[in-house]
Amino acid sequence: MPETILRIVDWDELFENNRTRTMKIMQWIPIPNKHDGDGYTELIEHPDGPLHYACWVTITQVASRCHPRGTLLRSTKRAHDSASLSRITRIPAKCFEAAIPRLIAIGWLERISSDGNTLDAACQEGVRKVSGACQEGALEGKGRERKGTEGNGTEGKTKPCPAGSQRNRSERTAAVELVLNHYREHHTRANPGEPDRKRILARLAEGFSADDLIEAIDGNHRDPYCCGENPGGKKYHTLELIFRDSAHTQKYIEVPAAGAARFNEKERRGIEAGQRFIEKGMK
């Protein structure tokens, strides 16, 4: 049975602009500031209206990092529900359970089917299509479409696109190189091998995009523990760690953006010595 997915109505019109459309990963979203519309007043006049509105804003933030944007779809191609939204946002699941039906009722959220036709229609409305989805049931299949296009005996379960099979393989290869080239920007002497390429392909097959994997690399290099702030003082920036499994990759994607420059141990000691010198001279 096709899975039901929540989608924000008119996402592209209301929550995207010329700046966000150039972003690989959205770190913020533009949000309407109209407080006299029917939807807002109907939502907020409920006894729990302010809480439901807080859930709504949080939902838009989560949807901005999903693929396609504007849908509540996890990287595993499963639909978000109240429990998964709660885990991500730390807001109690019962709040989402109460808010979501009201958001659907006022027309801010809608339910769509995960079958191919519905997904294609969503893409035509401006939502980015999931990479590699070339047959019916793309989201429901949880990666089976990639197997179907590679001729491994599962063709009877999916509807591959023969004309696009070679193109899909080329796109995956290009995505791997894009990710590896970004990693080399952090480590100019790095020479990733075939195991690293296979890990990247595995994460791509799970639904992560090349942009997601690039963000995971950057997140790993922002993570204090991986940058050496650990008992052993060691740095952990290997592709094996970053792309070990979907959980590790997602963890590094979600590392907050750095608020300040990060210095290595030698630079830190120099800065501290300079500060002590200044403080001594001021006494």
C-alpha atoms as a PDB file:
ATOM      1  CA  MET A   1       0.000   0.000   0.000  1.00  0.00           C
ATOM      2  CA  PRO A   2       1.318   3.493  -0.807  1.00  0.00           C
ATOM      3  CA  GLU A   3       2.421   5.446   2.224  1.00  0.00           C
ATOM      4  CA  THR A   4       0.788   8.743   3.168  1.00  0.00           C
ATOM      5  CA  ILE A   5       3.160  11.703   3.385  1.00  0.00           C
ATOM      6  CA  LEU A   6       2.534  15.151   4.809  1.00  0.00           C
ATOM      7  CA  ARG A   7       3.356  18.080   2.550  1.00  0.00           C
ATOM      8  CA  ILE A   8       3.241  21.818   3.165  1.00  0.00           C
ATOM      9  CA  VAL A   9       0.767  23.507   0.829  1.00  0.00           C
ATOM     10  CA  ASP A  10       2.286  26.034  -1.604  1.00  0.00           C
ATOM     11  CA  TRP A  11       5.772  25.481  -0.212  1.00  0.00           C
ATOM     12  CA  ASP A  12       7.610  26.869  -3.218  1.00  0.00           C
ATOM     13  CA  GLU A  13       5.513  30.020  -3.296  1.00  0.00           C
ATOM     14  CA  LEU A  14       5.499  30.772   0.441  1.00  0.00           C
ATOM     15  CA  PHE A  15       8.749  29.370   1.826  1.00  0.00           C
ATOM     16  CA  GLU A  16      11.261  29.754  -0.989  1.00  0.00           C
ATOM     17  CA  ASN A  17      12.807  32.804  -2.594  1.00  0.00           C
ATOM     18  CA  ASN A  18      15.651  33.620  -4.971  1.00  0.00           C
ATOM     19  CA  ARG A  19      18.197  33.130  -2.177  1.00  0.00           C
ATOM     20  CA  THR A  20      16.919  29.844  -0.776  1.00  0.00           C
ATOM     21  CA  ARG A  21      16.666  28.287  -4.222  1.00  0.00           C
ATOM     22  CA  THR A  22      20.452  28.576  -4.559  1.00  0.00           C
ATOM     23  CA  MET A  23      21.082  26.887  -1.192  1.00  0.00           C
ATOM     24  CA  LYS A  24      22.267  23.312  -1.162  1.00  0.00           C
ATOM     25  CA  ILE A  25      21.228  22.907   2.478  1.00  0.00           C
ATOM     26  CA  MET A  26      18.777  25.376   3.984  1.00  0.00           C
ATOM     27  CA  GLN A  27      19.996  26.834   7.285  1.00  0.00           C
ATOM     28  CA  TRP A  28      16.997  29.188   7.567  1.00  0.00           C
ATOM     29  CA  ILE A  29      13.664  29.710   5.854  1.00  0.00           C
ATOM     30  CA  PRO A  30      11.633  32.774   4.914  1.00  0.00           C
ATOM     31  CA  ILE A  31       8.288  32.567   6.657  1.00  0.00           C
ATOM     32  CA  PRO A  32       5.101  34.602   6.030  1.00  0.00           C
ATOM     33  CA  ASN A  33       4.475  37.319   8.632  1.00  0.00           C
ATOM     34  CA  LYS A  34       0.767  37.867   8.007  1.00  0.00           C
ATOM     35  CA  HIS A  35      -1.279  37.620  11.202  1.00  0.00           C
ATOM     36  CA  ASP A  36      -4.750  38.555   9.983  1.00  0.00           C
ATOM     37  CA  GLY A  37      -5.431  35.718   7.548  1.00  0.00           C
ATOM     38  CA  ASP A  38      -8.163  33.132   8.050  1.00  0.00           C
ATOM     39  CA  GLY A  39      -5.689  30.305   8.588  1.00  0.00           C
ATOM     40  CA  TYR A  40      -3.650  32.074  11.250  1.00  0.00           C
ATOM     41  CA  THR A  41      -6.622  33.409  13.179  1.00  0.00           C
ATOM     42  CA  GLU A  42      -8.384  30.041  13.090  1.00  0.00           C
ATOM     43  CA  LEU A  43      -5.251  28.292  14.328  1.00  0.00           C
ATOM     44  CA  ILE A  44      -4.333  30.757  17.062  1.00  0.00           C
ATOM     45  CA  GLU A  45      -7.847  31.188  18.543  1.00  0.00           C
ATOM     46  CA  HIS A  46      -7.835  27.615  19.796  1.00  0.00           C
ATOM     47  CA  PRO A  47      -6.966  27.286  23.532  1.00  0.00           C
ATOM     48  CA  ASP A  48      -3.737  25.561  22.483  1.00  0.00           C
ATOM     49  CA  GLY A  49      -3.315  27.763  19.408  1.00  0.00           C
ATOM     50  CA  PRO A  50       0.087  29.226  20.350  1.00  0.00           C
ATOM     51  CA  LEU A  51       1.455  25.728  20.937  1.00  0.00           C
ATOM     52  CA  HIS A  52       0.045  24.513  17.629  1.00  0.00           C
ATOM     53  CA  TYR A  53       1.612  27.483  15.858  1.00  0.00           C
ATOM     54  CA  ALA A  54       4.964  26.622  17.447  1.00  0.00           C
ATOM     55  CA  CYS A  55       4.546  23.102  16.050  1.00  0.00           C
ATOM     56  CA  TRP A  56       3.763  24.576  12.634  1.00  0.00           C
ATOM     57  CA  VAL A  57       6.909  26.711  12.555  1.00  0.00           C
ATOM     58  CA  THR A  58       8.971  23.715  13.643  1.00  0.00           C
ATOM     59  CA  ILE A  59       7.369  21.557  10.941  1.00  0.00           C
ATOM     60  CA  THR A  60       8.336  24.079   8.262  1.00  0.00           C
ATOM     61  CA  GLN A  61      11.912  24.010   9.541  1.00  0.00           C
ATOM     62  CA  VAL A  62      12.043  20.223   9.388  1.00  0.00           C
ATOM     63  CA  ALA A  63      10.473  20.225   5.913  1.00  0.00           C
ATOM     64  CA  SER A  64      13.121  22.658   4.680  1.00  0.00           C
ATOM     65  CA  ARG A  65      15.768  19.978   5.251  1.00  0.00           C
ATOM     66  CA  CYS A  66      13.802  17.106   3.726  1.00  0.00           C
ATOM     67  CA  HIS A  67      14.025  15.829   0.166  1.00  0.00           C
ATOM     68  CA  PRO A  68      11.930  16.955  -1.601  1.00  0.00           C
ATOM     69  CA  ARG A  69      11.759  20.226   0.302  1.00  0.00           C
ATOM     70  CA  GLY A  70       8.367  20.980   1.738  1.00  0.00           C
ATOM     71  CA  THR A  71       7.531  17.328   2.364  1.00  0.00           C
ATOM     72  CA  LEU A  72       7.873  15.567   5.705  1.00  0.00           C
ATOM     73  CA  LEU A  73       9.938  12.726   4.353  1.00  0.00           C
ATOM     74  CA  ARG A  74      12.873  11.146   6.150  1.00  0.00           C
ATOM     75  CA  SER A  75      16.190  10.298   4.508  1.00  0.00           C
ATOM     76  CA  THR A  76      15.151   6.635   4.666  1.00  0.00           C
ATOM     77  CA  LYS A  77      12.181   7.482   2.399  1.00  0.00           C
ATOM     78  CA  ARG A  78       9.743   6.910   5.278  1.00  0.00           C
ATOM     79  CA  ALA A  79       7.189   9.530   6.133  1.00  0.00           C
ATOM     80  CA  HIS A  80       7.679  11.597   9.264  1.00  0.00           C
ATOM     81  CA  ASP A  81       5.084  11.134  11.968  1.00  0.00           C
ATOM     82  CA  SER A  82       4.523  12.697  15.375  1.00  0.00           C
ATOM     83  CA  ALA A  83       7.067  10.376  16.993  1.00  0.00           C
ATOM     84  CA  SER A  84       9.872  11.100  14.511  1.00  0.00           C
ATOM     85  CA  LEU A  85       9.159  14.837  14.590  1.00  0.00           C
ATOM     86  CA  SER A  86       9.367  14.681  18.367  1.00  0.00           C
ATOM     87  CA  ARG A  87      12.740  12.944  18.272  1.00  0.00           C
ATOM     88  CA  ILE A  88      14.186  15.593  15.960  1.00  0.00           C
ATOM     89  CA  THR A  89      12.727  18.683  17.601  1.00  0.00           C
ATOM     90  CA  ARG A  90      12.410  17.556  21.263  1.00  0.00           C
ATOM     91  CA  ILE A  91       8.793  18.754  21.250  1.00  0.00           C
ATOM     92  CA  PRO A  92       6.447  16.170  22.808  1.00  0.00           C
ATOM     93  CA  ALA A  93       4.773  13.931  20.244  1.00  0.00           C
ATOM     94  CA  LYS A  94       1.336  14.665  21.705  1.00  0.00           C
ATOM     95  CA  CYS A  95       1.734  18.308  20.632  1.00  0.00           C
ATOM     96  CA  PHE A  96       2.202  17.267  17.003  1.00  0.00           C
ATOM     97  CA  GLU A  97      -0.635  14.754  17.298  1.00  0.00           C
ATOM     98  CA  ALA A  98      -2.953  17.602  18.232  1.00  0.00           C
ATOM     99  CA  ALA A  99      -1.549  20.199  15.828  1.00  0.00           C
ATOM    100  CA  ILE A 100      -1.285  18.204  12.593  1.00  0.00           C
ATOM    101  CA  PRO A 101      -5.044  17.515  12.132  1.00  0.00           C
ATOM    102  CA  ARG A 102      -5.751  21.215  12.696  1.00  0.00           C
ATOM    103  CA  LEU A 103      -3.052  22.260  10.218  1.00  0.00           C
ATOM    104  CA  ILE A 104      -4.604  19.930   7.644  1.00  0.00           C
ATOM    105  CA  ALA A 105      -8.079  21.280   8.385  1.00  0.00           C
ATOM    106  CA  ILE A 106      -7.069  24.901   7.792  1.00  0.00           C
ATOM    107  CA  GLY A 107      -5.223  23.993   4.599  1.00  0.00           C
ATOM    108  CA  TRP A 108      -1.604  24.531   5.636  1.00  0.00           C
ATOM    109  CA  LEU A 109      -0.711  20.843   5.445  1.00  0.00           C
ATOM    110  CA  GLU A 110      -1.939  18.210   3.028  1.00  0.00           C
ATOM    111  CA  ARG A 111      -1.575  14.463   2.748  1.00  0.00           C
ATOM    112  CA  ILE A 112      -0.186  12.987  -0.448  1.00  0.00           C
ATOM    113  CA  SER A 113       0.325   9.419  -1.578  1.00  0.00           C
ATOM    114  CA  SER A 114       3.825   8.051  -2.111  1.00  0.00           C
ATOM    115  CA  ASP A 115       2.888   6.390  -5.423  1.00  0.00           C
ATOM    116  CA  GLY A 116       4.802   7.547  -8.463  1.00  0.00           C
ATOM    117  CA  ASN A 117       2.029   9.517 -10.120  1.00  0.00           C
ATOM    118  CA  THR A 118       1.386  11.662  -7.084  1.00  0.00           C
ATOM    119  CA  LEU A 119       5.094  12.279  -6.570  1.00  0.00           C
ATOM    120  CA  ASP A 120       5.517  13.301 -10.195  1.00  0.00           C
ATOM    121  CA  ALA A 121       2.632  15.743  -9.833  1.00  0.00           C
ATOM    122  CA  ALA A 122       4.314  17.240  -6.777  1.00  0.00           C
ATOM    123  CA  CYS A 123       7.503  17.662  -8.744  1.00  0.00           C
ATOM    124  CA  GLN A 124       5.656  19.503 -11.496  1.00  0.00           C
ATOM    125  CA  GLU A 125       4.368  21.908  -8.848  1.00  0.00           C
ATOM    126  CA  GLY A 126       7.900  22.961  -8.046  1.00  0.00           C
ATOM    127  CA  VAL A 127       9.009  20.457  -5.431  1.00  0.00           C
ATOM    128  CA  ARG A 128      12.402  18.900  -6.182  1.00  0.00           C
ATOM    129  CA  LYS A 129      12.146  15.282  -7.235  1.00  0.00           C
ATOM    130  CA  VAL A 130      13.999  12.635  -5.272  1.00  0.00           C
ATOM    131  CA  SER A 131      17.156  11.694  -7.168  1.00  0.00           C
ATOM    132  CA  GLY A 132      16.862   8.399  -9.000  1.00  0.00           C
ATOM    133  CA  ALA A 133      13.101   7.990  -8.654  1.00  0.00           C
ATOM    134  CA  CYS A 134      12.206   6.798 -12.147  1.00  0.00           C
ATOM    135  CA  GLN A 135       9.359   4.367 -11.529  1.00  0.00           C
ATOM    136  CA  GLU A 136       6.060   4.140  -9.704  1.00  0.00           C
ATOM    137  CA  GLY A 137       6.289   3.774  -5.957  1.00  0.00           C
ATOM    138  CA  ALA A 138       9.655   5.539  -5.764  1.00  0.00           C
ATOM    139  CA  LEU A 139       9.299   6.511  -2.114  1.00  0.00           C
ATOM    140  CA  GLU A 140       7.474   3.332  -1.143  1.00  0.00           C
ATOM    141  CA  GLY A 141      10.227   1.219  -2.689  1.00  0.00           C
ATOM    142  CA  LYS A 142      12.910   2.449  -0.222  1.00  0.00           C
ATOM    143  CA  GLY A 143      15.709   2.178  -2.698  1.00  0.00           C
ATOM    144  CA  ARG A 144      14.381  -0.706  -4.803  1.00  0.00           C
ATOM    145  CA  GLU A 145      14.295   1.516  -7.890  1.00  0.00           C
ATOM    146  CA  ARG A 146      18.075   1.610  -7.912  1.00  0.00           C
ATOM    147  CA  LYS A 147      18.240  -2.180  -7.791  1.00  0.00           C
ATOM    148  CA  GLY A 148      15.676  -2.445 -10.565  1.00  0.00           C
ATOM    149  CA  THR A 149      17.729  -0.254 -12.889  1.00  0.00           C
ATOM    150  CA  GLU A 150      20.842  -2.304 -12.323  1.00  0.00           C
ATOM    151  CA  GLY A 151      19.423  -5.545 -13.630  1.00  0.00           C
ATOM    152  CA  ASN A 152      19.904  -7.646 -10.477  1.00  0.00           C
ATOM    153  CA  GLY A 153      16.768  -9.718 -10.826  1.00  0.00           C
ATOM    154  CA  THR A 154      14.278  -7.445  -9.130  1.00  0.00           C
ATOM    155  CA  GLU A 155      12.846  -6.022 -12.339  1.00  0.00           C
ATOM    156  CA  GLY A 156       9.591  -7.848 -11.699  1.00  0.00           C
ATOM    157  CA  LYS A 157       9.039  -5.796  -8.547  1.00  0.00           C
ATOM    158  CA  THR A 158       9.706  -2.382 -10.041  1.00  0.00           C
ATOM    159  CA  LYS A 159       9.342  -0.520 -13.303  1.00  0.00           C
ATOM    160  CA  PRO A 160      12.832   0.605 -14.300  1.00  0.00           C
ATOM    161  CA  CYS A 161      13.608   3.237 -16.895  1.00  0.00           C
ATOM    162  CA  PRO A 162      15.947   1.466 -19.333  1.00  0.00           C
ATOM    163  CA  ALA A 163      16.709   4.646 -21.224  1.00  0.00           C
ATOM    164  CA  GLY A 164      17.753   6.339 -18.018  1.00  0.00           C
ATOM    165  CA  SER A 165      19.709   3.483 -16.434  1.00  0.00           C
ATOM    166  CA  GLN A 166      23.069   4.570 -17.808  1.00  0.00           C
ATOM    167  CA  ARG A 167      22.262   8.156 -16.970  1.00  0.00           C
ATOM    168  CA  ASN A 168      21.457   7.209 -13.377  1.00  0.00           C
ATOM    169  CA  ARG A 169      24.744   5.349 -13.029  1.00  0.00           C
ATOM    170  CA  SER A 170      26.590   8.337 -14.442  1.00  0.00           C
ATOM    171  CA  GLU A 171      24.784  10.663 -12.053  1.00  0.00           C
ATOM    172  CA  ARG A 172      25.731   8.498  -9.083  1.00  0.00           C
ATOM    173  CA  THR A 173      29.348   8.403 -10.209  1.00  0.00           C
ATOM    174  CA  ALA A 174      29.357  12.176 -10.596  1.00  0.00           C
ATOM    175  CA  ALA A 175      27.802  12.534  -7.133  1.00  0.00           C
ATOM    176  CA  VAL A 176      30.523  10.360  -5.602  1.00  0.00           C
ATOM    177  CA  GLU A 177      33.241  12.466  -7.233  1.00  0.00           C
ATOM    178  CA  LEU A 178      31.559  15.647  -6.049  1.00  0.00           C
ATOM    179  CA  VAL A 179      31.593  14.377  -2.467  1.00  0.00           C
ATOM    180  CA  LEU A 180      35.196  13.166  -2.690  1.00  0.00           C
ATOM    181  CA  ASN A 181      36.373  16.457  -4.162  1.00  0.00           C
ATOM    182  CA  HIS A 182      34.765  18.310  -1.268  1.00  0.00           C
ATOM    183  CA  TYR A 183      36.504  16.008   1.209  1.00  0.00           C
ATOM    184  CA  ARG A 184      39.822  16.788  -0.495  1.00  0.00           C
ATOM    185  CA  GLU A 185      39.221  20.472   0.190  1.00  0.00           C
ATOM    186  CA  HIS A 186      39.614  19.589   3.869  1.00  0.00           C
ATOM    187  CA  HIS A 187      42.410  17.062   3.291  1.00  0.00           C
ATOM    188  CA  THR A 188      44.461  17.939   0.226  1.00  0.00           C
ATOM    189  CA  ARG A 189      46.630  14.824   0.513  1.00  0.00           C
ATOM    190  CA  ALA A 190      43.742  12.438   0.947  1.00  0.00           C
ATOM    191  CA  ASN A 191      43.516   9.513  -1.449  1.00  0.00           C
ATOM    192  CA  PRO A 192      40.115   7.861  -0.901  1.00  0.00           C
ATOM    193  CA  GLY A 193      39.890   4.281  -2.056  1.00  0.00           C
ATOM    194  CA  GLU A 194      37.202   1.969  -3.358  1.00  0.00           C
ATOM    195  CA  PRO A 195      35.782   1.209   0.145  1.00  0.00           C
ATOM    196  CA  ASP A 196      35.123   4.922   0.612  1.00  0.00           C
ATOM    197  CA  ARG A 197      33.368   5.122  -2.749  1.00  0.00           C
ATOM    198  CA  LYS A 198      31.177   2.168  -1.810  1.00  0.00           C
ATOM    199  CA  ARG A 199      30.203   3.830   1.468  1.00  0.00           C
ATOM    200  CA  ILE A 200      29.209   6.996  -0.377  1.00  0.00           C
ATOM    201  CA  LEU A 201      27.191   4.984  -2.889  1.00  0.00           C
ATOM    202  CA  ALA A 202      25.481   3.170  -0.024  1.00  0.00           C
ATOM    203  CA  ARG A 203      24.423   6.441   1.577  1.00  0.00           C
ATOM    204  CA  LEU A 204      23.204   7.761  -1.775  1.00  0.00           C
ATOM    205  CA  ALA A 205      21.175   4.582  -2.208  1.00  0.00           C
ATOM    206  CA  GLU A 206      19.562   5.238   1.170  1.00  0.00           C
ATOM    207  CA  GLY A 207      18.243   8.569  -0.094  1.00  0.00           C
ATOM    208  CA  PHE A 208      20.906  11.037   1.002  1.00  0.00           C
ATOM    209  CA  SER A 209      21.813  13.545  -1.703  1.00  0.00           C
ATOM    210  CA  ALA A 210      25.333  14.641  -2.605  1.00  0.00           C
ATOM    211  CA  ASP A 211      24.568  17.924  -0.840  1.00  0.00           C
ATOM    212  CA  ASP A 212      23.645  15.990   2.303  1.00  0.00           C
ATOM    213  CA  LEU A 213      26.924  14.083   2.224  1.00  0.00           C
ATOM    214  CA  ILE A 214      28.892  17.287   1.702  1.00  0.00           C
ATOM    215  CA  GLU A 215      27.088  18.773   4.690  1.00  0.00           C
ATOM    216  CA  ALA A 216      27.990  15.663   6.722  1.00  0.00           C
ATOM    217  CA  ILE A 217      31.674  16.163   5.873  1.00  0.00           C
ATOM    218  CA  ASP A 218      31.495  19.787   6.977  1.00  0.00           C
ATOM    219  CA  GLY A 219      29.562  18.831  10.111  1.00  0.00           C
ATOM    220  CA  ASN A 220      32.207  16.278  11.058  1.00  0.00           C
ATOM    221  CA  HIS A 221      34.827  19.015  10.730  1.00  0.00           C
ATOM    222  CA  ARG A 222      32.738  21.245  13.023  1.00  0.00           C
ATOM    223  CA  ASP A 223      32.172  18.597  15.648  1.00  0.00           C
ATOM    224  CA  PRO A 224      34.317  19.452  18.717  1.00  0.00           C
ATOM    225  CA  TYR A 225      34.998  15.820  19.632  1.00  0.00           C
ATOM    226  CA  CYS A 226      36.109  14.924  16.108  1.00  0.00           C
ATOM    227  CA  CYS A 227      38.247  18.066  15.969  1.00  0.00           C
ATOM    228  CA  GLY A 228      40.358  16.882  18.881  1.00  0.00           C
ATOM    229  CA  GLU A 229      38.422  18.002  21.922  1.00  0.00           C
ATOM    230  CA  ASN A 230      38.470  14.524  23.420  1.00  0.00           C
ATOM    231  CA  PRO A 231      40.551  12.744  26.112  1.00  0.00           C
ATOM    232  CA  GLY A 232      43.082  11.475  23.582  1.00  0.00           C
ATOM    233  CA  GLY A 233      43.333  14.755  21.697  1.00  0.00           C
ATOM    234  CA  LYS A 234      42.917  12.879  18.420  1.00  0.00           C
ATOM    235  CA  LYS A 235      41.078  14.039  15.340  1.00  0.00           C
ATOM    236  CA  TYR A 236      38.524  11.815  13.647  1.00  0.00           C
ATOM    237  CA  HIS A 237      37.800  12.955  10.100  1.00  0.00           C
ATOM    238  CA  THR A 238      37.871   9.761   8.053  1.00  0.00           C
ATOM    239  CA  LEU A 239      35.316   8.995   5.390  1.00  0.00           C
ATOM    240  CA  GLU A 240      34.912   5.584   7.017  1.00  0.00           C
ATOM    241  CA  LEU A 241      33.585   7.291  10.144  1.00  0.00           C
ATOM    242  CA  ILE A 242      31.472   9.950   8.429  1.00  0.00           C
ATOM    243  CA  PHE A 243      29.728   7.488   6.108  1.00  0.00           C
ATOM    244  CA  ARG A 244      29.916   4.363   8.310  1.00  0.00           C
ATOM    245  CA  ASP A 245      26.124   4.124   8.281  1.00  0.00           C
ATOM    246  CA  SER A 246      23.081   6.363   7.891  1.00  0.00           C
ATOM    247  CA  ALA A 247      23.032   7.177  11.612  1.00  0.00           C
ATOM    248  CA  HIS A 248      26.587   8.537  11.575  1.00  0.00           C
ATOM    249  CA  THR A 249      25.932  10.526   8.401  1.00  0.00           C
ATOM    250  CA  GLN A 250      22.732  12.044   9.793  1.00  0.00           C
ATOM    251  CA  LYS A 251      24.486  12.887  13.071  1.00  0.00           C
ATOM    252  CA  TYR A 252      27.143  14.925  11.285  1.00  0.00           C
ATOM    253  CA  ILE A 253      24.604  16.628   9.031  1.00  0.00           C
ATOM    254  CA  GLU A 254      22.900  17.925  12.161  1.00  0.00           C
ATOM    255  CA  VAL A 255      26.042  19.343  13.814  1.00  0.00           C
ATOM    256  CA  PRO A 256      25.266  23.059  14.376  1.00  0.00           C
ATOM    257  CA  ALA A 257      27.049  25.593  12.212  1.00  0.00           C
ATOM    258  CA  ALA A 258      30.251  26.846  13.789  1.00  0.00           C
ATOM    259  CA  GLY A 259      29.871  30.189  15.518  1.00  0.00           C
ATOM    260  CA  ALA A 260      33.558  30.974  15.666  1.00  0.00           C
ATOM    261  CA  ALA A 261      36.816  30.013  14.017  1.00  0.00           C
ATOM    262  CA  ARG A 262      38.395  26.785  15.302  1.00  0.00           C
ATOM    263  CA  PHE A 263      42.104  26.666  16.059  1.00  0.00           C
ATOM    264  CA  ASN A 264      44.446  23.724  16.309  1.00  0.00           C
ATOM    265  CA  GLU A 265      46.346  22.984  19.510  1.00  0.00           C
ATOM    266  CA  LYS A 266      49.485  24.895  18.484  1.00  0.00           C
ATOM    267  CA  GLU A 267      47.457  27.965  17.525  1.00  0.00           C
ATOM    268  CA  ARG A 268      45.459  27.745  20.737  1.00  0.00           C
ATOM    269  CA  ARG A 269      48.614  27.648  22.876  1.00  0.00           C
ATOM    270  CA  GLY A 270      49.962  30.685  21.032  1.00  0.00           C
ATOM    271  CA  ILE A 271      46.761  32.623  21.616  1.00  0.00           C
ATOM    272  CA  GLU A 272      46.721  31.695  25.300  1.00  0.00           C
ATOM    273  CA  ALA A 273      50.373  32.729  25.681  1.00  0.00           C
ATOM    274  CA  GLY A 274      49.609  36.073  24.049  1.00  0.00           C
ATOM    275  CA  GLN A 275      46.668  36.629  26.378  1.00  0.00           C
ATOM    276  CA  ARG A 276      48.826  35.865  29.436  1.00  0.00           C
ATOM    277  CA  PHE A 277      51.470  38.300  28.172  1.00  0.00           C
ATOM    278  CA  ILE A 278      48.883  41.048  27.751  1.00  0.00           C
ATOM    279  CA  GLU A 279      47.377  40.372  31.162  1.00  0.00           C
ATOM    280  CA  LYS A 280      50.836  40.446  32.771  1.00  0.00           C
ATOM    281  CA  GLY A 281      51.632  43.778  31.150  1.00  0.00           C
ATOM    282  CA  MET A 282      48.367  45.257  32.421  1.00  0.00           C
ATOM    283  CA  LYS A 283      49.162  44.488  36.066  1.00  0.00           C
END
